[in-house]
Amino acid sequence: MTRSEAVRSAAARLRRARLDAPELDARLLAQAAFGIDLAQLVARGPDPADPSELARLEEMLERRLRGEPIDRILGVREFWGMPFRLTPDTLSPRPDTETVVAAALEAIAPRRGPLSILDLGVGSGCLLLALLSERPDAWGLGVDRSPGAAAAARANAAALGLLQRASFLVGDWAAALERRFDLVVSNPPYIPRSEIARLAPEVARHDPLLALDGGADGLAAYATILQDAPRLLAEGGVLAMELGAGQSADVTGLAREAGFGTLGLADDLAGIPRAIVLSRA
């Protein structure tokens, strides 16, 4: 079987299983299984595939047919134009979360000089490392309750050449922190506990529960962060958080009760309020 034939066969099986984007998934899996990029896959398509390559492709294809997300199979997800390695302890970064990065960068744009950033619930490190990539004058700390997630974020920082400006800590939100930061960001768990089982299987079965479970009403993490934020923010500091769909009013109310004013809400590409930017009132 040639490499091109193997890709066509994989795409046909994915199509019969009614999976989205079967051709794209087949190409991505083939590139990983064969150890080549897209240009090489096209150029070397007529070449016979090695049996070991076909075996790797078959193993990956079976995982996809069982409903495992393509990024989990490949072990990497692109975010803010950078590759982030995934582990079972990390949430797979979503394009919607880039809304938080853009909103945070806009809020701190006027600030010049050394900038300190705190990422609560750092996960893969996508928020913190995206911000550091845009602000070479910044240093950041990422905190996560999961040791595996903190280790994954550190590994991503090293792979992206940002480890000299980033540190990582295992902790229960900000409980162990005493210093203040110019910018605090978070993509907290915000799914109401009763709704987790009804999420798409690719999310419910493969994203870590710790990164999804927002308590009974989905607002537990927001309440904890807002309680600690006054002692974490430096003078003129900014807090930027991701929002779940339909949560903007509830989180704005919690922020107001905690003494924060809303600098702005930012919509994702679907027009849903996805990021909230706050400062001390």
C-alpha atoms as a PDB file:
ATOM      1  CA  MET A   1       0.000   0.000   0.000  1.00  0.00           C
ATOM      2  CA  THR A   2       1.319   3.445  -0.883  1.00  0.00           C
ATOM      3  CA  ARG A   3       1.206   6.324   1.555  1.00  0.00           C
ATOM      4  CA  SER A   4      -1.520   8.021  -0.509  1.00  0.00           C
ATOM      5  CA  GLU A   5      -3.610   4.865  -0.516  1.00  0.00           C
ATOM      6  CA  ALA A   6      -3.215   4.573   3.245  1.00  0.00           C
ATOM      7  CA  VAL A   7      -4.456   8.162   3.704  1.00  0.00           C
ATOM      8  CA  ARG A   8      -7.460   7.590   1.432  1.00  0.00           C
ATOM      9  CA  SER A   9      -8.346   4.361   3.241  1.00  0.00           C
ATOM     10  CA  ALA A  10      -8.106   6.074   6.642  1.00  0.00           C
ATOM     11  CA  ALA A  11     -10.278   8.979   5.472  1.00  0.00           C
ATOM     12  CA  ALA A  12     -12.920   6.579   4.148  1.00  0.00           C
ATOM     13  CA  ARG A  13     -13.093   4.754   7.497  1.00  0.00           C
ATOM     14  CA  LEU A  14     -13.409   8.043   9.381  1.00  0.00           C
ATOM     15  CA  ARG A  15     -16.107   9.191   6.968  1.00  0.00           C
ATOM     16  CA  ARG A  16     -18.108   5.993   7.477  1.00  0.00           C
ATOM     17  CA  ALA A  17     -17.908   6.603  11.225  1.00  0.00           C
ATOM     18  CA  ARG A  18     -19.453  10.071  10.622  1.00  0.00           C
ATOM     19  CA  LEU A  19     -16.558  11.886  12.241  1.00  0.00           C
ATOM     20  CA  ASP A  20     -15.948  15.532  11.412  1.00  0.00           C
ATOM     21  CA  ALA A  21     -13.178  16.468   8.953  1.00  0.00           C
ATOM     22  CA  PRO A  22     -12.206  12.894   7.994  1.00  0.00           C
ATOM     23  CA  GLU A  23      -9.747  13.953   5.269  1.00  0.00           C
ATOM     24  CA  LEU A  24      -7.954  16.417   7.538  1.00  0.00           C
ATOM     25  CA  ASP A  25      -7.771  13.931  10.405  1.00  0.00           C
ATOM     26  CA  ALA A  26      -6.456  11.223   8.089  1.00  0.00           C
ATOM     27  CA  ARG A  27      -3.685  13.518   6.827  1.00  0.00           C
ATOM     28  CA  LEU A  28      -2.689  14.596  10.329  1.00  0.00           C
ATOM     29  CA  LEU A  29      -2.586  11.034  11.602  1.00  0.00           C
ATOM     30  CA  ALA A  30      -0.594   9.900   8.572  1.00  0.00           C
ATOM     31  CA  GLN A  31       1.942  12.700   9.012  1.00  0.00           C
ATOM     32  CA  ALA A  32       2.472  11.645  12.620  1.00  0.00           C
ATOM     33  CA  ALA A  33       2.572   7.920  11.841  1.00  0.00           C
ATOM     34  CA  PHE A  34       4.979   8.345   8.925  1.00  0.00           C
ATOM     35  CA  GLY A  35       7.096  11.029  10.626  1.00  0.00           C
ATOM     36  CA  ILE A  36       6.806  13.518   7.767  1.00  0.00           C
ATOM     37  CA  ASP A  37       5.202  16.900   7.146  1.00  0.00           C
ATOM     38  CA  LEU A  38       2.393  17.708   4.714  1.00  0.00           C
ATOM     39  CA  ALA A  39       4.717  18.639   1.844  1.00  0.00           C
ATOM     40  CA  GLN A  40       6.588  15.356   2.221  1.00  0.00           C
ATOM     41  CA  LEU A  41       3.308  13.435   2.458  1.00  0.00           C
ATOM     42  CA  VAL A  42       2.248  14.882  -0.902  1.00  0.00           C
ATOM     43  CA  ALA A  43       5.638  14.434  -2.559  1.00  0.00           C
ATOM     44  CA  ARG A  44       6.156  10.898  -1.258  1.00  0.00           C
ATOM     45  CA  GLY A  45       2.550   9.805  -1.566  1.00  0.00           C
ATOM     46  CA  PRO A  46       3.251   7.266  -4.350  1.00  0.00           C
ATOM     47  CA  ASP A  47       5.975   5.573  -2.268  1.00  0.00           C
ATOM     48  CA  PRO A  48       5.134   2.275  -0.553  1.00  0.00           C
ATOM     49  CA  ALA A  49       4.422   2.687   3.151  1.00  0.00           C
ATOM     50  CA  ASP A  50       6.628   0.751   5.547  1.00  0.00           C
ATOM     51  CA  PRO A  51       4.726  -1.920   7.549  1.00  0.00           C
ATOM     52  CA  SER A  52       5.779  -0.236  10.795  1.00  0.00           C
ATOM     53  CA  GLU A  53       4.320   3.054   9.527  1.00  0.00           C
ATOM     54  CA  LEU A  54       1.053   1.372   8.628  1.00  0.00           C
ATOM     55  CA  ALA A  55       0.925  -0.238  12.069  1.00  0.00           C
ATOM     56  CA  ARG A  56       1.355   3.146  13.758  1.00  0.00           C
ATOM     57  CA  LEU A  57      -1.324   4.667  11.544  1.00  0.00           C
ATOM     58  CA  GLU A  58      -3.716   1.820  12.334  1.00  0.00           C
ATOM     59  CA  GLU A  59      -3.206   2.253  16.093  1.00  0.00           C
ATOM     60  CA  MET A  60      -3.860   6.012  15.857  1.00  0.00           C
ATOM     61  CA  LEU A  61      -6.844   5.476  13.575  1.00  0.00           C
ATOM     62  CA  GLU A  62      -8.439   3.026  16.005  1.00  0.00           C
ATOM     63  CA  ARG A  63      -8.111   5.591  18.787  1.00  0.00           C
ATOM     64  CA  ARG A  64      -9.797   8.229  16.628  1.00  0.00           C
ATOM     65  CA  LEU A  65     -12.591   5.831  15.694  1.00  0.00           C
ATOM     66  CA  ARG A  66     -13.202   5.250  19.415  1.00  0.00           C
ATOM     67  CA  GLY A  67     -13.799   8.994  19.797  1.00  0.00           C
ATOM     68  CA  GLU A  68     -10.451  10.179  21.130  1.00  0.00           C
ATOM     69  CA  PRO A  69      -9.776  13.772  19.986  1.00  0.00           C
ATOM     70  CA  ILE A  70      -7.168  14.218  17.292  1.00  0.00           C
ATOM     71  CA  ASP A  71      -5.048  16.525  19.473  1.00  0.00           C
ATOM     72  CA  ARG A  72      -4.949  13.927  22.254  1.00  0.00           C
ATOM     73  CA  ILE A  73      -3.752  11.288  19.800  1.00  0.00           C
ATOM     74  CA  LEU A  74      -1.072  13.592  18.408  1.00  0.00           C
ATOM     75  CA  GLY A  75      -0.225  14.875  21.889  1.00  0.00           C
ATOM     76  CA  VAL A  76      -0.066  18.485  20.799  1.00  0.00           C
ATOM     77  CA  ARG A  77      -2.422  21.426  20.230  1.00  0.00           C
ATOM     78  CA  GLU A  78      -1.635  24.777  18.643  1.00  0.00           C
ATOM     79  CA  PHE A  79      -2.519  27.909  20.616  1.00  0.00           C
ATOM     80  CA  TRP A  80      -1.600  31.507  19.807  1.00  0.00           C
ATOM     81  CA  GLY A  81       0.541  30.169  16.961  1.00  0.00           C
ATOM     82  CA  MET A  82       2.632  27.942  19.248  1.00  0.00           C
ATOM     83  CA  PRO A  83       2.599  24.160  19.804  1.00  0.00           C
ATOM     84  CA  PHE A  84       1.629  22.971  23.285  1.00  0.00           C
ATOM     85  CA  ARG A  85       2.287  19.407  24.343  1.00  0.00           C
ATOM     86  CA  LEU A  86      -0.667  17.786  26.112  1.00  0.00           C
ATOM     87  CA  THR A  87      -0.817  15.268  28.918  1.00  0.00           C
ATOM     88  CA  PRO A  88      -3.809  13.596  30.599  1.00  0.00           C
ATOM     89  CA  ASP A  89      -3.487  16.272  33.327  1.00  0.00           C
ATOM     90  CA  THR A  90      -3.985  19.235  31.001  1.00  0.00           C
ATOM     91  CA  LEU A  91      -7.016  20.745  29.343  1.00  0.00           C
ATOM     92  CA  SER A  92      -6.638  20.907  25.572  1.00  0.00           C
ATOM     93  CA  PRO A  93      -6.375  24.634  24.719  1.00  0.00           C
ATOM     94  CA  ARG A  94      -9.367  25.969  22.787  1.00  0.00           C
ATOM     95  CA  PRO A  95      -9.324  28.795  20.238  1.00  0.00           C
ATOM     96  CA  ASP A  96     -11.927  30.601  22.390  1.00  0.00           C
ATOM     97  CA  THR A  97      -9.329  30.952  25.139  1.00  0.00           C
ATOM     98  CA  GLU A  98      -7.231  33.154  22.860  1.00  0.00           C
ATOM     99  CA  THR A  99      -9.906  35.784  23.595  1.00  0.00           C
ATOM    100  CA  VAL A 100      -8.499  36.009  27.134  1.00  0.00           C
ATOM    101  CA  VAL A 101      -4.962  36.543  25.828  1.00  0.00           C
ATOM    102  CA  ALA A 102      -6.076  39.308  23.471  1.00  0.00           C
ATOM    103  CA  ALA A 103      -8.164  41.028  26.164  1.00  0.00           C
ATOM    104  CA  ALA A 104      -5.344  40.853  28.720  1.00  0.00           C
ATOM    105  CA  LEU A 105      -2.781  42.220  26.263  1.00  0.00           C
ATOM    106  CA  GLU A 106      -5.067  45.134  25.429  1.00  0.00           C
ATOM    107  CA  ALA A 107      -5.611  45.908  29.105  1.00  0.00           C
ATOM    108  CA  ILE A 108      -1.901  45.986  29.935  1.00  0.00           C
ATOM    109  CA  ALA A 109      -0.763  47.611  26.689  1.00  0.00           C
ATOM    110  CA  PRO A 110      -0.108  51.019  28.334  1.00  0.00           C
ATOM    111  CA  ARG A 111       2.150  49.490  30.986  1.00  0.00           C
ATOM    112  CA  ARG A 112       5.878  49.638  30.276  1.00  0.00           C
ATOM    113  CA  GLY A 113       8.833  48.243  32.173  1.00  0.00           C
ATOM    114  CA  PRO A 114       9.040  44.955  34.087  1.00  0.00           C
ATOM    115  CA  LEU A 115       5.670  43.204  34.206  1.00  0.00           C
ATOM    116  CA  SER A 116       4.666  40.372  36.527  1.00  0.00           C
ATOM    117  CA  ILE A 117       1.978  37.865  35.514  1.00  0.00           C
ATOM    118  CA  LEU A 118       0.189  35.201  37.548  1.00  0.00           C
ATOM    119  CA  ASP A 119      -1.741  32.378  35.867  1.00  0.00           C
ATOM    120  CA  LEU A 120      -4.072  30.540  38.257  1.00  0.00           C
ATOM    121  CA  GLY A 121      -4.868  27.025  37.037  1.00  0.00           C
ATOM    122  CA  VAL A 122      -2.026  27.112  34.520  1.00  0.00           C
ATOM    123  CA  GLY A 123      -2.780  23.749  32.852  1.00  0.00           C
ATOM    124  CA  SER A 124      -0.669  23.391  29.715  1.00  0.00           C
ATOM    125  CA  GLY A 125       0.687  26.912  30.247  1.00  0.00           C
ATOM    126  CA  CYS A 126      -1.054  28.294  27.167  1.00  0.00           C
ATOM    127  CA  LEU A 127      -2.306  31.554  28.706  1.00  0.00           C
ATOM    128  CA  LEU A 128       0.883  32.440  30.562  1.00  0.00           C
ATOM    129  CA  LEU A 129       3.265  31.457  27.773  1.00  0.00           C
ATOM    130  CA  ALA A 130       1.240  33.231  25.086  1.00  0.00           C
ATOM    131  CA  LEU A 131       1.395  36.416  27.150  1.00  0.00           C
ATOM    132  CA  LEU A 132       5.130  36.035  27.796  1.00  0.00           C
ATOM    133  CA  SER A 133       5.710  35.540  24.067  1.00  0.00           C
ATOM    134  CA  GLU A 134       4.077  38.908  23.419  1.00  0.00           C
ATOM    135  CA  ARG A 135       5.654  40.792  26.323  1.00  0.00           C
ATOM    136  CA  PRO A 136       9.426  40.192  26.507  1.00  0.00           C
ATOM    137  CA  ASP A 137       9.526  42.567  29.483  1.00  0.00           C
ATOM    138  CA  ALA A 138       7.367  40.186  31.539  1.00  0.00           C
ATOM    139  CA  TRP A 139       8.010  37.390  34.027  1.00  0.00           C
ATOM    140  CA  GLY A 140       5.293  34.932  35.036  1.00  0.00           C
ATOM    141  CA  LEU A 141       4.262  32.378  37.626  1.00  0.00           C
ATOM    142  CA  GLY A 142       1.873  29.523  36.859  1.00  0.00           C
ATOM    143  CA  VAL A 143       0.028  27.719  39.655  1.00  0.00           C
ATOM    144  CA  ASP A 144      -1.963  24.509  39.394  1.00  0.00           C
ATOM    145  CA  ARG A 145      -3.439  22.041  41.865  1.00  0.00           C
ATOM    146  CA  SER A 146      -2.313  19.187  39.602  1.00  0.00           C
ATOM    147  CA  PRO A 147       1.403  18.293  39.813  1.00  0.00           C
ATOM    148  CA  GLY A 148       1.123  16.750  36.363  1.00  0.00           C
ATOM    149  CA  ALA A 149      -0.273  19.952  34.873  1.00  0.00           C
ATOM    150  CA  ALA A 150       2.404  22.106  36.481  1.00  0.00           C
ATOM    151  CA  ALA A 151       5.076  19.768  35.098  1.00  0.00           C
ATOM    152  CA  ALA A 152       3.500  19.882  31.631  1.00  0.00           C
ATOM    153  CA  ALA A 153       3.421  23.694  31.682  1.00  0.00           C
ATOM    154  CA  ARG A 154       7.076  23.791  32.690  1.00  0.00           C
ATOM    155  CA  ALA A 155       7.990  21.416  29.863  1.00  0.00           C
ATOM    156  CA  ASN A 156       6.098  23.602  27.381  1.00  0.00           C
ATOM    157  CA  ALA A 157       7.889  26.700  28.662  1.00  0.00           C
ATOM    158  CA  ALA A 158      11.231  24.964  28.120  1.00  0.00           C
ATOM    159  CA  ALA A 159      10.278  23.782  24.620  1.00  0.00           C
ATOM    160  CA  LEU A 160       9.166  27.300  23.655  1.00  0.00           C
ATOM    161  CA  GLY A 161      12.309  28.963  25.013  1.00  0.00           C
ATOM    162  CA  LEU A 162      10.428  30.814  27.761  1.00  0.00           C
ATOM    163  CA  LEU A 163      11.563  28.960  30.876  1.00  0.00           C
ATOM    164  CA  GLN A 164      13.978  31.694  31.924  1.00  0.00           C
ATOM    165  CA  ARG A 165      10.994  34.001  32.414  1.00  0.00           C
ATOM    166  CA  ALA A 166       8.523  31.511  33.886  1.00  0.00           C
ATOM    167  CA  SER A 167       8.195  29.587  37.129  1.00  0.00           C
ATOM    168  CA  PHE A 168       5.636  26.998  38.154  1.00  0.00           C
ATOM    169  CA  LEU A 169       4.151  25.998  41.486  1.00  0.00           C
ATOM    170  CA  VAL A 170       1.816  23.271  42.698  1.00  0.00           C
ATOM    171  CA  GLY A 171      -0.752  24.847  44.978  1.00  0.00           C
ATOM    172  CA  ASP A 172      -4.412  25.357  45.841  1.00  0.00           C
ATOM    173  CA  TRP A 173      -5.084  28.436  43.737  1.00  0.00           C
ATOM    174  CA  ALA A 174      -3.269  31.379  45.366  1.00  0.00           C
ATOM    175  CA  ALA A 175      -3.281  30.131  48.957  1.00  0.00           C
ATOM    176  CA  ALA A 176       0.531  29.898  49.159  1.00  0.00           C
ATOM    177  CA  LEU A 177       1.267  33.228  47.456  1.00  0.00           C
ATOM    178  CA  GLU A 178       2.203  36.442  49.229  1.00  0.00           C
ATOM    179  CA  ARG A 179       3.528  38.739  46.491  1.00  0.00           C
ATOM    180  CA  ARG A 180       1.525  40.963  44.143  1.00  0.00           C
ATOM    181  CA  PHE A 181       1.264  40.879  40.347  1.00  0.00           C
ATOM    182  CA  ASP A 182       0.511  43.385  37.618  1.00  0.00           C
ATOM    183  CA  LEU A 183      -1.696  40.924  35.748  1.00  0.00           C
ATOM    184  CA  VAL A 184      -3.588  37.880  36.994  1.00  0.00           C
ATOM    185  CA  VAL A 185      -5.183  35.565  34.422  1.00  0.00           C
ATOM    186  CA  SER A 186      -7.181  32.376  34.699  1.00  0.00           C
ATOM    187  CA  ASN A 187      -9.204  29.909  32.699  1.00  0.00           C
ATOM    188  CA  PRO A 188     -10.938  28.363  35.712  1.00  0.00           C
ATOM    189  CA  PRO A 189     -13.151  25.275  35.703  1.00  0.00           C
ATOM    190  CA  TYR A 190     -16.653  26.603  35.032  1.00  0.00           C
ATOM    191  CA  ILE A 191     -18.864  23.699  34.004  1.00  0.00           C
ATOM    192  CA  PRO A 192     -21.663  23.045  36.529  1.00  0.00           C
ATOM    193  CA  ARG A 193     -21.030  19.603  37.990  1.00  0.00           C
ATOM    194  CA  SER A 194     -24.390  18.224  36.881  1.00  0.00           C
ATOM    195  CA  GLU A 195     -23.674  19.124  33.243  1.00  0.00           C
ATOM    196  CA  ILE A 196     -20.292  17.421  32.874  1.00  0.00           C
ATOM    197  CA  ALA A 197     -21.748  14.044  31.922  1.00  0.00           C
ATOM    198  CA  ARG A 198     -23.696  15.746  29.109  1.00  0.00           C
ATOM    199  CA  LEU A 199     -20.642  17.334  27.513  1.00  0.00           C
ATOM    200  CA  ALA A 200     -19.395  16.068  24.168  1.00  0.00           C
ATOM    201  CA  PRO A 201     -17.648  12.706  24.722  1.00  0.00           C
ATOM    202  CA  GLU A 202     -14.385  14.130  23.385  1.00  0.00           C
ATOM    203  CA  VAL A 203     -14.422  16.565  26.312  1.00  0.00           C
ATOM    204  CA  ALA A 204     -16.060  14.537  29.082  1.00  0.00           C
ATOM    205  CA  ARG A 205     -13.912  11.446  28.531  1.00  0.00           C
ATOM    206  CA  HIS A 206     -10.563  13.037  27.746  1.00  0.00           C
ATOM    207  CA  ASP A 207     -10.216  16.416  29.478  1.00  0.00           C
ATOM    208  CA  PRO A 208      -9.278  16.242  33.184  1.00  0.00           C
ATOM    209  CA  LEU A 209     -12.226  16.562  35.550  1.00  0.00           C
ATOM    210  CA  LEU A 210     -10.257  18.977  37.719  1.00  0.00           C
ATOM    211  CA  ALA A 211     -10.161  21.440  34.821  1.00  0.00           C
ATOM    212  CA  LEU A 212     -13.890  21.145  34.081  1.00  0.00           C
ATOM    213  CA  ASP A 213     -15.748  20.908  37.400  1.00  0.00           C
ATOM    214  CA  GLY A 214     -16.876  24.373  38.488  1.00  0.00           C
ATOM    215  CA  GLY A 215     -18.966  23.171  41.418  1.00  0.00           C
ATOM    216  CA  ALA A 216     -22.716  23.075  41.737  1.00  0.00           C
ATOM    217  CA  ASP A 217     -23.340  26.284  39.787  1.00  0.00           C
ATOM    218  CA  GLY A 218     -20.093  26.532  37.811  1.00  0.00           C
ATOM    219  CA  LEU A 219     -19.023  29.628  39.775  1.00  0.00           C
ATOM    220  CA  ALA A 220     -16.998  28.134  42.646  1.00  0.00           C
ATOM    221  CA  ALA A 221     -13.573  28.878  41.146  1.00  0.00           C
ATOM    222  CA  TYR A 222     -14.554  32.459  40.273  1.00  0.00           C
ATOM    223  CA  ALA A 223     -15.595  33.081  43.878  1.00  0.00           C
ATOM    224  CA  THR A 224     -12.266  31.734  45.173  1.00  0.00           C
ATOM    225  CA  ILE A 225     -10.180  33.764  42.731  1.00  0.00           C
ATOM    226  CA  LEU A 226     -12.099  36.977  43.380  1.00  0.00           C
ATOM    227  CA  GLN A 227     -11.707  36.505  47.121  1.00  0.00           C
ATOM    228  CA  ASP A 228      -7.908  36.326  46.777  1.00  0.00           C
ATOM    229  CA  ALA A 229      -7.469  38.814  43.946  1.00  0.00           C
ATOM    230  CA  PRO A 230      -7.364  42.007  46.072  1.00  0.00           C
ATOM    231  CA  ARG A 231      -4.205  40.845  47.850  1.00  0.00           C
ATOM    232  CA  LEU A 232      -2.662  39.489  44.639  1.00  0.00           C
ATOM    233  CA  LEU A 233      -2.975  42.569  42.441  1.00  0.00           C
ATOM    234  CA  ALA A 234      -0.403  45.342  42.490  1.00  0.00           C
ATOM    235  CA  GLU A 235      -1.591  48.936  42.336  1.00  0.00           C
ATOM    236  CA  GLY A 236      -3.339  49.398  38.998  1.00  0.00           C
ATOM    237  CA  GLY A 237      -3.264  45.647  38.399  1.00  0.00           C
ATOM    238  CA  VAL A 238      -5.685  43.811  36.136  1.00  0.00           C
ATOM    239  CA  LEU A 239      -7.533  40.499  36.447  1.00  0.00           C
ATOM    240  CA  ALA A 240      -8.614  38.699  33.242  1.00  0.00           C
ATOM    241  CA  MET A 241     -10.610  35.457  33.275  1.00  0.00           C
ATOM    242  CA  GLU A 242     -12.304  33.187  30.782  1.00  0.00           C
ATOM    243  CA  LEU A 243     -16.088  32.924  31.022  1.00  0.00           C
ATOM    244  CA  GLY A 244     -18.376  30.027  30.344  1.00  0.00           C
ATOM    245  CA  ALA A 245     -21.273  30.633  27.971  1.00  0.00           C
ATOM    246  CA  GLY A 246     -23.989  32.618  29.731  1.00  0.00           C
ATOM    247  CA  GLN A 247     -21.889  33.382  32.821  1.00  0.00           C
ATOM    248  CA  SER A 248     -20.964  37.007  32.196  1.00  0.00           C
ATOM    249  CA  ALA A 249     -23.749  38.483  34.347  1.00  0.00           C
ATOM    250  CA  ASP A 250     -23.125  36.125  37.280  1.00  0.00           C
ATOM    251  CA  VAL A 251     -19.356  36.682  37.269  1.00  0.00           C
ATOM    252  CA  THR A 252     -19.801  40.444  36.897  1.00  0.00           C
ATOM    253  CA  GLY A 253     -22.049  40.339  39.968  1.00  0.00           C
ATOM    254  CA  LEU A 254     -19.501  38.336  41.969  1.00  0.00           C
ATOM    255  CA  ALA A 255     -16.789  40.788  40.939  1.00  0.00           C
ATOM    256  CA  ARG A 256     -18.862  43.754  42.028  1.00  0.00           C
ATOM    257  CA  GLU A 257     -19.457  42.165  45.431  1.00  0.00           C
ATOM    258  CA  ALA A 258     -15.690  41.621  45.772  1.00  0.00           C
ATOM    259  CA  GLY A 259     -14.982  45.275  45.069  1.00  0.00           C
ATOM    260  CA  PHE A 260     -14.017  45.061  41.400  1.00  0.00           C
ATOM    261  CA  GLY A 261     -15.065  47.163  38.459  1.00  0.00           C
ATOM    262  CA  THR A 262     -15.399  45.724  34.965  1.00  0.00           C
ATOM    263  CA  LEU A 263     -12.972  47.175  32.448  1.00  0.00           C
ATOM    264  CA  GLY A 264     -14.524  45.185  29.648  1.00  0.00           C
ATOM    265  CA  LEU A 265     -16.043  42.013  28.244  1.00  0.00           C
ATOM    266  CA  ALA A 266     -14.600  40.400  25.111  1.00  0.00           C
ATOM    267  CA  ASP A 267     -16.580  38.160  22.758  1.00  0.00           C
ATOM    268  CA  ASP A 268     -15.229  35.050  21.100  1.00  0.00           C
ATOM    269  CA  LEU A 269     -15.650  34.385  17.367  1.00  0.00           C
ATOM    270  CA  ALA A 270     -19.192  33.117  17.971  1.00  0.00           C
ATOM    271  CA  GLY A 271     -20.179  36.404  19.613  1.00  0.00           C
ATOM    272  CA  ILE A 272     -20.323  34.888  23.121  1.00  0.00           C
ATOM    273  CA  PRO A 273     -18.816  36.913  26.009  1.00  0.00           C
ATOM    274  CA  ARG A 274     -15.699  34.825  26.692  1.00  0.00           C
ATOM    275  CA  ALA A 275     -13.360  37.041  28.689  1.00  0.00           C
ATOM    276  CA  ILE A 276     -13.872  39.518  31.516  1.00  0.00           C
ATOM    277  CA  VAL A 277     -11.287  42.117  32.496  1.00  0.00           C
ATOM    278  CA  LEU A 278     -11.482  43.578  35.995  1.00  0.00           C
ATOM    279  CA  SER A 279      -9.726  46.117  38.183  1.00  0.00           C
ATOM    280  CA  ARG A 280     -10.164  47.226  41.749  1.00  0.00           C
ATOM    281  CA  ALA A 281     -13.026  49.707  41.939  1.00  0.00           C
END
